[in-house]
Amino acid sequence: MKSTGPLPRIESGQVPADLPDWMRDDRGLRAAYRFDSSSTALQFIVQVGLRAEQDNRHPHLDWRITTVELRLAPNQPERLSAPEMQLARHISIEASKLDAQVITGNQ
């Protein structure tokens, strides 16, 4: 897939409307999810890892029993590229498929 280059500058706290699970800060995008079980959380991590490897993007990830927090931290955090946004969308879809509770901002 061809990259369309960097997206316009996004201010802290702002994210596109189609990424409601995500928050923007000075280091990139972040999202956090709670799952019904640790095995479901691990299933989610595997799905994210497979897609990240395919896209050659590698989010920072913190797994705590049933909670998974992810951060997409591009080299230029003030500019998010199309691949980071696409990976964020994919992560949101995978979380939704597993009935995750979005807890971004509630921690």
C-alpha atoms as a PDB file:
ATOM      1  CA  MET A   1       0.000   0.000   0.000  1.00  0.00           C
ATOM      2  CA  LYS A   2       1.390   3.387  -0.987  1.00  0.00           C
ATOM      3  CA  SER A   3       1.794   5.954   1.780  1.00  0.00           C
ATOM      4  CA  THR A   4       0.083   9.260   1.205  1.00  0.00           C
ATOM      5  CA  GLY A   5       2.631  11.025   3.400  1.00  0.00           C
ATOM      6  CA  PRO A   6       2.099  12.943   6.599  1.00  0.00           C
ATOM      7  CA  LEU A   7      -1.317  14.151   7.567  1.00  0.00           C
ATOM      8  CA  PRO A   8      -1.864  17.749   8.663  1.00  0.00           C
ATOM      9  CA  ARG A   9      -0.591  18.770  12.075  1.00  0.00           C
ATOM     10  CA  ILE A  10      -2.981  17.620  14.810  1.00  0.00           C
ATOM     11  CA  GLU A  11      -3.079  19.464  18.104  1.00  0.00           C
ATOM     12  CA  SER A  12      -2.786  17.611  21.395  1.00  0.00           C
ATOM     13  CA  GLY A  13      -6.062  15.947  22.321  1.00  0.00           C
ATOM     14  CA  GLN A  14      -7.456  16.041  18.776  1.00  0.00           C
ATOM     15  CA  VAL A  15      -8.031  12.895  16.743  1.00  0.00           C
ATOM     16  CA  PRO A  16     -10.034  12.260  13.598  1.00  0.00           C
ATOM     17  CA  ALA A  17     -13.719  11.545  14.201  1.00  0.00           C
ATOM     18  CA  ASP A  18     -13.335   7.973  12.954  1.00  0.00           C
ATOM     19  CA  LEU A  19     -10.870   7.191  15.800  1.00  0.00           C
ATOM     20  CA  PRO A  20     -12.971   7.753  18.945  1.00  0.00           C
ATOM     21  CA  ASP A  21     -10.965   5.154  20.940  1.00  0.00           C
ATOM     22  CA  TRP A  22      -7.770   7.175  20.592  1.00  0.00           C
ATOM     23  CA  MET A  23      -6.296  10.199  22.354  1.00  0.00           C
ATOM     24  CA  ARG A  24      -3.597  12.458  20.965  1.00  0.00           C
ATOM     25  CA  ASP A  25      -0.725  13.721  23.088  1.00  0.00           C
ATOM     26  CA  ASP A  26       2.777  15.068  22.502  1.00  0.00           C
ATOM     27  CA  ARG A  27       4.149  11.532  21.889  1.00  0.00           C
ATOM     28  CA  GLY A  28       1.571  10.302  19.359  1.00  0.00           C
ATOM     29  CA  LEU A  29      -1.713   8.418  19.639  1.00  0.00           C
ATOM     30  CA  ARG A  30      -2.771   6.178  22.496  1.00  0.00           C
ATOM     31  CA  ALA A  31      -5.685   3.893  23.264  1.00  0.00           C
ATOM     32  CA  ALA A  32      -6.515   1.567  26.125  1.00  0.00           C
ATOM     33  CA  TYR A  33      -8.932  -1.353  26.266  1.00  0.00           C
ATOM     34  CA  ARG A  34     -10.284  -3.728  28.906  1.00  0.00           C
ATOM     35  CA  PHE A  35     -11.255  -7.282  27.966  1.00  0.00           C
ATOM     36  CA  ASP A  36     -13.361  -9.940  29.689  1.00  0.00           C
ATOM     37  CA  SER A  37     -10.350 -12.186  30.289  1.00  0.00           C
ATOM     38  CA  SER A  38      -6.588 -12.248  30.010  1.00  0.00           C
ATOM     39  CA  SER A  39      -6.828 -14.806  27.200  1.00  0.00           C
ATOM     40  CA  THR A  40      -9.017 -12.412  25.193  1.00  0.00           C
ATOM     41  CA  ALA A  41      -6.521  -9.618  25.852  1.00  0.00           C
ATOM     42  CA  LEU A  42      -3.748 -11.882  24.598  1.00  0.00           C
ATOM     43  CA  GLN A  43      -5.787 -12.767  21.512  1.00  0.00           C
ATOM     44  CA  PHE A  44      -6.085  -9.033  20.817  1.00  0.00           C
ATOM     45  CA  ILE A  45      -2.337  -8.545  21.262  1.00  0.00           C
ATOM     46  CA  VAL A  46      -1.647 -11.312  18.746  1.00  0.00           C
ATOM     47  CA  GLN A  47      -3.995  -9.748  16.172  1.00  0.00           C
ATOM     48  CA  VAL A  48      -2.400  -6.326  16.650  1.00  0.00           C
ATOM     49  CA  GLY A  49       1.084  -7.823  16.415  1.00  0.00           C
ATOM     50  CA  LEU A  50       0.324  -9.645  13.178  1.00  0.00           C
ATOM     51  CA  ARG A  51      -1.025  -6.482  11.554  1.00  0.00           C
ATOM     52  CA  ALA A  52       1.790  -4.317  12.919  1.00  0.00           C
ATOM     53  CA  GLU A  53       4.372  -6.694  11.484  1.00  0.00           C
ATOM     54  CA  GLN A  54       2.563  -6.725   8.135  1.00  0.00           C
ATOM     55  CA  ASP A  55       2.472  -2.904   8.072  1.00  0.00           C
ATOM     56  CA  ASN A  56       6.036  -2.545   9.451  1.00  0.00           C
ATOM     57  CA  ARG A  57       4.679  -0.377  12.284  1.00  0.00           C
ATOM     58  CA  HIS A  58       5.363  -1.296  15.870  1.00  0.00           C
ATOM     59  CA  PRO A  59       3.192   0.197  18.609  1.00  0.00           C
ATOM     60  CA  HIS A  60       4.327   0.368  22.201  1.00  0.00           C
ATOM     61  CA  LEU A  61       2.160  -1.981  24.222  1.00  0.00           C
ATOM     62  CA  ASP A  62       1.470  -2.485  27.923  1.00  0.00           C
ATOM     63  CA  TRP A  63      -0.512  -5.578  28.969  1.00  0.00           C
ATOM     64  CA  ARG A  64      -1.898  -5.799  32.523  1.00  0.00           C
ATOM     65  CA  ILE A  65      -4.061  -8.935  32.954  1.00  0.00           C
ATOM     66  CA  THR A  66      -7.238  -7.793  31.136  1.00  0.00           C
ATOM     67  CA  THR A  67      -6.086  -4.305  30.130  1.00  0.00           C
ATOM     68  CA  VAL A  68      -4.048  -3.432  27.055  1.00  0.00           C
ATOM     69  CA  GLU A  69      -2.721   0.065  26.390  1.00  0.00           C
ATOM     70  CA  LEU A  70      -1.160   0.917  23.037  1.00  0.00           C
ATOM     71  CA  ARG A  71       0.783   3.902  21.804  1.00  0.00           C
ATOM     72  CA  LEU A  72       1.578   4.745  18.211  1.00  0.00           C
ATOM     73  CA  ALA A  73       4.621   6.981  18.457  1.00  0.00           C
ATOM     74  CA  PRO A  74       5.864   8.127  15.055  1.00  0.00           C
ATOM     75  CA  ASN A  75       9.290   9.722  14.592  1.00  0.00           C
ATOM     76  CA  GLN A  76       7.576  13.096  14.272  1.00  0.00           C
ATOM     77  CA  PRO A  77       4.768  12.922  16.858  1.00  0.00           C
ATOM     78  CA  GLU A  78       3.344  16.264  15.727  1.00  0.00           C
ATOM     79  CA  ARG A  79       2.585  14.679  12.340  1.00  0.00           C
ATOM     80  CA  LEU A  80       0.772  11.382  12.019  1.00  0.00           C
ATOM     81  CA  SER A  81       1.216   9.513   8.768  1.00  0.00           C
ATOM     82  CA  ALA A  82      -1.453   7.585   6.918  1.00  0.00           C
ATOM     83  CA  PRO A  83       0.045   4.206   7.983  1.00  0.00           C
ATOM     84  CA  GLU A  84      -0.218   5.123  11.685  1.00  0.00           C
ATOM     85  CA  MET A  85      -3.814   6.210  11.210  1.00  0.00           C
ATOM     86  CA  GLN A  86      -4.629   2.998   9.310  1.00  0.00           C
ATOM     87  CA  LEU A  87      -3.070   0.866  12.050  1.00  0.00           C
ATOM     88  CA  ALA A  88      -5.056   2.782  14.693  1.00  0.00           C
ATOM     89  CA  ARG A  89      -8.261   2.079  12.750  1.00  0.00           C
ATOM     90  CA  HIS A  90      -7.375  -1.614  12.486  1.00  0.00           C
ATOM     91  CA  ILE A  91      -6.644  -1.814  16.228  1.00  0.00           C
ATOM     92  CA  SER A  92     -10.014  -0.213  17.020  1.00  0.00           C
ATOM     93  CA  ILE A  93     -11.792  -2.714  14.761  1.00  0.00           C
ATOM     94  CA  GLU A  94     -10.015  -5.686  16.379  1.00  0.00           C
ATOM     95  CA  ALA A  95     -10.877  -4.405  19.865  1.00  0.00           C
ATOM     96  CA  SER A  96     -14.508  -4.018  18.853  1.00  0.00           C
ATOM     97  CA  LYS A  97     -14.642  -7.573  17.468  1.00  0.00           C
ATOM     98  CA  LEU A  98     -13.542  -8.838  20.899  1.00  0.00           C
ATOM     99  CA  ASP A  99     -16.097  -6.673  22.770  1.00  0.00           C
ATOM    100  CA  ALA A 100     -13.406  -4.589  24.450  1.00  0.00           C
ATOM    101  CA  GLN A 101     -14.359  -1.761  26.753  1.00  0.00           C
ATOM    102  CA  VAL A 102     -12.589   1.446  25.715  1.00  0.00           C
ATOM    103  CA  ILE A 103     -10.894   2.947  28.764  1.00  0.00           C
ATOM    104  CA  THR A 104      -8.696   5.529  27.070  1.00  0.00           C
ATOM    105  CA  GLY A 105      -8.567   8.568  29.304  1.00  0.00           C
ATOM    106  CA  ASN A 106     -10.135   6.738  32.276  1.00  0.00           C
ATOM    107  CA  GLN A 107      -6.879   5.547  33.767  1.00  0.00           C
END
